[in-house]
């Protein structure tokens, strides 16, 4: 179930990926000797991103295990959905602390430098490294996926959700990297304008997710765990 859900979130949100990470995908040093090598390079880049998302799923899945014991998964899902929608409708309401911005800027600068250095190396295997590094770049959509991963039922589910999320973004991101020579930056600029719409759609999905409506994949019922008390007599 989580694999399908993760893929759907990634696929629906892939326009956000193209809008934000499209310039990097366009700059990838893909080999042009053969069609196969070019496709392999684009695939390695996306596999690298999926690997990083899986690693993030492991890290935040450990946190999710604690939330599961507290029984607040559905409320986390609803709260995140509301915050996502408010961030679009009322941008000034949702503010990031300055200290967080400083940390993010520092991480972003370090990653940007490493990715920039990697872009100058035209080895096929280096595209995997670029993908792995790309997965750590600050990204609102990845934060959304992580939030959902935290509310899964186990660490394995969290990992599978994040990997599936990565592969959900693969079709469109692969196309952008492969057809970079015919895609113009003006097109990416137009995509950025559509990002708020997709944030609202994902926010609504998160709210539905936490409402226990019994709709498969969209709003399944949360199962409360009960412990059996065995008598020793």
Protein backbone atom coordinates (compact mmCIF):
# COMPACT_ATOMS: atom_id res chain seq x y z
CA UNK A 1 0.00 0.00 0.00
CA UNK A 2 2.73 2.45 0.98
CA UNK A 3 4.62 1.74 -2.24
CA UNK A 4 1.60 2.73 -4.34
CA UNK A 5 0.90 5.78 -2.19
CA UNK A 6 4.52 6.93 -2.29
CA UNK A 7 4.64 6.55 -6.06
CA UNK A 8 1.42 8.58 -6.44
CA UNK A 9 2.72 11.41 -4.24
CA UNK A 10 5.99 11.46 -6.18
CA UNK A 11 4.28 11.32 -9.55
CA UNK A 12 1.78 14.08 -8.72
CA UNK A 13 4.50 16.22 -7.21
CA UNK A 14 7.06 15.65 -9.95
CA UNK A 15 6.13 18.96 -11.58
CA UNK A 16 7.46 20.58 -8.42
CA UNK A 17 10.71 18.63 -8.88
CA UNK A 18 11.01 19.76 -12.48
CA UNK A 19 10.32 23.36 -11.53
CA UNK A 20 12.87 23.43 -8.71
CA UNK A 21 15.54 20.89 -9.78
CA UNK A 22 14.98 21.16 -13.53
CA UNK A 23 18.00 23.44 -14.11
CA UNK A 24 20.24 20.83 -12.49
CA UNK A 25 18.73 18.04 -14.60
CA UNK A 26 19.31 20.14 -17.71
CA UNK A 27 22.97 20.59 -16.76
CA UNK A 28 23.73 16.90 -16.20
CA UNK A 29 26.84 15.73 -18.09
CA UNK A 30 25.02 12.86 -19.80
CA UNK A 31 27.08 10.82 -22.29
CA UNK A 32 25.93 11.34 -25.86
CA UNK A 33 27.83 8.51 -27.55
CA UNK A 34 24.79 6.24 -27.76
CA UNK A 35 21.10 6.38 -26.85
CA UNK A 36 21.66 3.57 -24.34
CA UNK A 37 24.46 5.39 -22.53
CA UNK A 38 22.45 8.59 -22.36
CA UNK A 39 19.41 6.76 -20.97
CA UNK A 40 21.62 4.89 -18.48
CA UNK A 41 23.10 8.16 -17.27
CA UNK A 42 19.68 9.74 -16.73
CA UNK A 43 18.51 6.59 -14.94
CA UNK A 44 21.55 6.50 -12.64
CA UNK A 45 20.93 10.11 -11.65
CA UNK A 46 17.35 9.30 -10.64
CA UNK A 47 18.32 6.07 -8.87
CA UNK A 48 20.76 8.15 -6.82
CA UNK A 49 17.94 10.46 -5.74
CA UNK A 50 15.73 7.48 -4.84
CA UNK A 51 18.57 5.99 -2.76
CA UNK A 52 18.87 9.21 -0.73
CA UNK A 53 15.11 9.35 -0.21
CA UNK A 54 15.22 5.77 1.07
CA UNK A 55 17.96 6.77 3.52
CA UNK A 56 15.83 9.69 4.70
CA UNK A 57 12.96 7.23 5.07
CA UNK A 58 15.13 5.15 7.42
CA UNK A 59 16.13 8.16 9.52
CA UNK A 60 12.66 9.60 9.85
CA UNK A 61 11.08 6.16 10.12
CA UNK A 62 12.89 5.82 13.44
CA UNK A 63 11.23 9.05 14.54
CA UNK A 64 7.90 7.79 13.22
CA UNK A 65 8.17 4.73 15.44
CA UNK A 66 7.95 7.06 18.43
CA UNK A 67 4.98 8.90 16.97
CA UNK A 68 3.24 5.58 16.35
CA UNK A 69 3.44 4.74 20.04
CA UNK A 70 1.83 8.09 20.80
CA UNK A 71 -1.06 7.37 18.43
CA UNK A 72 -0.94 10.75 16.70
CA UNK A 73 -0.24 9.75 13.09
CA UNK A 74 -3.57 10.92 11.71
CA UNK A 75 -3.34 14.27 13.49
CA UNK A 76 0.16 14.83 12.13
CA UNK A 77 -1.16 14.13 8.64
CA UNK A 78 -4.06 16.59 9.02
CA UNK A 79 -1.85 19.28 10.56
CA UNK A 80 0.70 19.01 7.76
CA UNK A 81 -2.03 19.21 5.12
CA UNK A 82 -3.43 22.37 6.71
CA UNK A 83 0.05 23.95 6.94
CA UNK A 84 0.73 23.15 3.27
CA UNK A 85 -2.50 24.84 2.16
CA UNK A 86 -1.94 27.85 4.43
CA UNK A 87 1.61 28.25 3.08
CA UNK A 88 0.07 28.86 -0.35
CA UNK A 89 -3.01 30.90 0.62
CA UNK A 90 -1.36 32.91 3.40
CA UNK A 91 2.41 32.81 2.79
CA UNK A 92 3.18 35.11 5.72
CA UNK A 93 1.49 32.82 8.25
CA UNK A 94 3.92 29.93 7.87
CA UNK A 95 7.38 31.23 8.69
CA UNK A 96 10.65 29.36 8.97
CA UNK A 97 12.80 30.35 11.99
CA UNK A 98 15.93 32.33 11.08
CA UNK A 99 18.15 29.74 12.73
CA UNK A 100 16.66 27.07 10.47
CA UNK A 101 17.27 29.26 7.43
CA UNK A 102 20.94 29.65 8.41
CA UNK A 103 21.39 25.88 8.79
CA UNK A 104 19.59 25.23 5.47
CA UNK A 105 21.69 27.86 3.70
CA UNK A 106 24.90 26.33 5.02
CA UNK A 107 23.88 22.82 3.94
CA UNK A 108 22.69 24.10 0.58
CA UNK A 109 25.96 25.93 -0.08
CA UNK A 110 28.03 22.84 0.72
CA UNK A 111 25.89 20.57 -1.43
CA UNK A 112 25.80 23.10 -4.27
CA UNK A 113 29.61 23.23 -4.34
CA UNK A 114 29.95 19.43 -4.33
CA UNK A 115 27.34 19.08 -7.08
CA UNK A 116 29.05 21.81 -9.10
CA UNK A 117 32.35 19.93 -8.87
CA UNK A 118 30.62 16.69 -9.89
CA UNK A 119 29.04 18.31 -12.94
CA UNK A 120 32.53 18.84 -14.35
CA UNK A 121 33.29 15.11 -14.27
CA UNK A 122 31.89 13.28 -17.27
CA UNK A 123 32.02 9.74 -15.91
CA UNK A 124 28.84 7.67 -16.14
CA UNK A 125 29.13 6.56 -12.50
CA UNK A 126 29.43 10.18 -11.40
CA UNK A 127 25.78 10.74 -12.36
CA UNK A 128 24.80 8.40 -9.52
CA UNK A 129 26.78 10.60 -7.11
CA UNK A 130 25.04 13.73 -8.41
CA UNK A 131 21.67 12.06 -7.84
CA UNK A 132 22.58 11.09 -4.28
CA UNK A 133 23.70 14.65 -3.50
CA UNK A 134 20.63 16.10 -5.21
CA UNK A 135 18.41 14.08 -2.88
CA UNK A 136 19.79 16.01 0.11
CA UNK A 137 19.04 19.47 -1.33
CA UNK A 138 16.37 21.43 0.58
CA UNK A 139 13.02 20.73 -1.09
CA UNK A 140 9.45 21.39 0.05
CA UNK A 141 8.10 18.32 -1.73
CA UNK A 142 10.65 16.05 -0.05
CA UNK A 143 9.67 17.53 3.31
CA UNK A 144 6.06 16.64 2.50
CA UNK A 145 7.04 13.07 1.66
CA UNK A 146 9.11 12.81 4.86
CA UNK A 147 6.14 13.99 6.89
CA UNK A 148 4.05 11.20 5.41
CA UNK A 149 6.86 8.69 5.95
CA UNK A 150 6.90 9.56 9.65
CA UNK A 151 3.27 8.47 9.95
CA UNK A 152 3.70 5.01 8.37
CA UNK A 153 3.29 1.90 10.49
CA UNK A 154 6.91 0.74 10.53
CA UNK A 155 10.45 1.74 9.62
CA UNK A 156 10.36 -0.58 6.60
CA UNK A 157 7.15 1.10 5.40
CA UNK A 158 8.81 4.49 5.79
CA UNK A 159 11.79 3.39 3.68
CA UNK A 160 9.59 1.82 1.00
CA UNK A 161 7.37 4.91 0.88
CA UNK A 162 10.33 7.24 0.32
CA UNK A 163 11.94 5.00 -2.32
CA UNK A 164 8.59 4.70 -4.12
CA UNK A 165 8.25 8.49 -3.86
CA UNK A 166 11.61 8.85 -5.58
CA UNK A 167 10.63 6.52 -8.40
CA UNK A 168 7.32 8.36 -8.72
CA UNK A 169 9.27 11.47 -9.68
CA UNK A 170 11.43 9.46 -12.09
CA UNK A 171 9.32 9.54 -15.31
CA UNK A 172 9.18 13.31 -15.59
CA UNK A 173 12.67 13.96 -14.20
CA UNK A 174 14.11 11.33 -16.53
CA UNK A 175 12.38 13.01 -19.48
CA UNK A 176 13.77 16.42 -18.52
CA UNK A 177 17.33 15.07 -18.24
CA UNK A 178 17.12 13.01 -21.43
CA UNK A 179 15.48 15.71 -23.56
CA UNK A 180 17.47 18.58 -22.05
CA UNK A 181 18.55 19.79 -25.47
CA UNK A 182 14.97 20.63 -26.50
CA UNK A 183 13.60 21.89 -23.16
CA UNK A 184 13.88 25.62 -22.57
CA UNK A 185 14.28 27.36 -19.20
CA UNK A 186 11.15 29.36 -20.04
CA UNK A 187 9.17 26.12 -19.80
CA UNK A 188 10.54 25.48 -16.30
CA UNK A 189 9.56 29.00 -15.27
CA UNK A 190 5.97 28.30 -16.29
CA UNK A 191 5.99 25.07 -14.29
CA UNK A 192 7.02 26.97 -11.17
CA UNK A 193 3.81 28.99 -11.43
CA UNK A 194 1.80 25.76 -11.21
CA UNK A 195 3.60 24.54 -8.07
CA UNK A 196 1.16 26.20 -5.58
CA UNK A 197 -1.74 24.30 -7.17
CA UNK A 198 -0.02 20.98 -6.62
CA UNK A 199 0.90 21.92 -3.05
CA UNK A 200 -2.79 22.54 -2.32
CA UNK A 201 -3.76 19.22 -3.94
CA UNK A 202 -1.19 17.34 -1.86
CA UNK A 203 -2.32 19.23 1.25
CA UNK A 204 -5.89 18.09 0.67
CA UNK A 205 -4.68 14.51 0.19
CA UNK A 206 -2.86 14.69 3.53
CA UNK A 207 -5.99 15.99 5.26
CA UNK A 208 -8.09 13.22 3.71
CA UNK A 209 -5.42 10.75 4.78
CA UNK A 210 -5.90 11.65 8.42
CA UNK A 211 -9.72 11.67 8.39
CA UNK A 212 -10.23 7.89 8.55
CA UNK A 213 -12.80 7.84 5.74
CA UNK A 214 -12.02 4.26 4.74
CA UNK A 215 -11.05 5.14 1.16
CA UNK A 216 -8.28 2.79 -0.04
CA UNK A 217 -4.89 4.51 -0.60
CA UNK A 218 -6.43 7.97 -0.11
CA UNK A 219 -7.98 7.84 3.37
CA UNK A 220 -7.64 4.35 4.88
CA UNK A 221 -8.71 3.76 8.44
CA UNK A 222 -5.99 3.93 11.08
CA UNK A 223 -5.91 0.78 13.10
CA UNK A 224 -5.49 1.30 16.80
CA UNK A 225 -3.28 -1.26 18.42
CA UNK A 226 -4.65 -3.13 21.35
CA UNK A 227 -2.77 -5.29 23.74
CA UNK A 228 -4.15 -8.54 25.01
CA UNK A 229 -3.96 -9.03 28.74
CA UNK A 230 -3.29 -12.65 29.47
CA UNK A 231 -4.20 -14.10 32.82
CA UNK A 232 -1.56 -16.15 34.53
CA UNK A 233 -4.08 -18.38 36.29
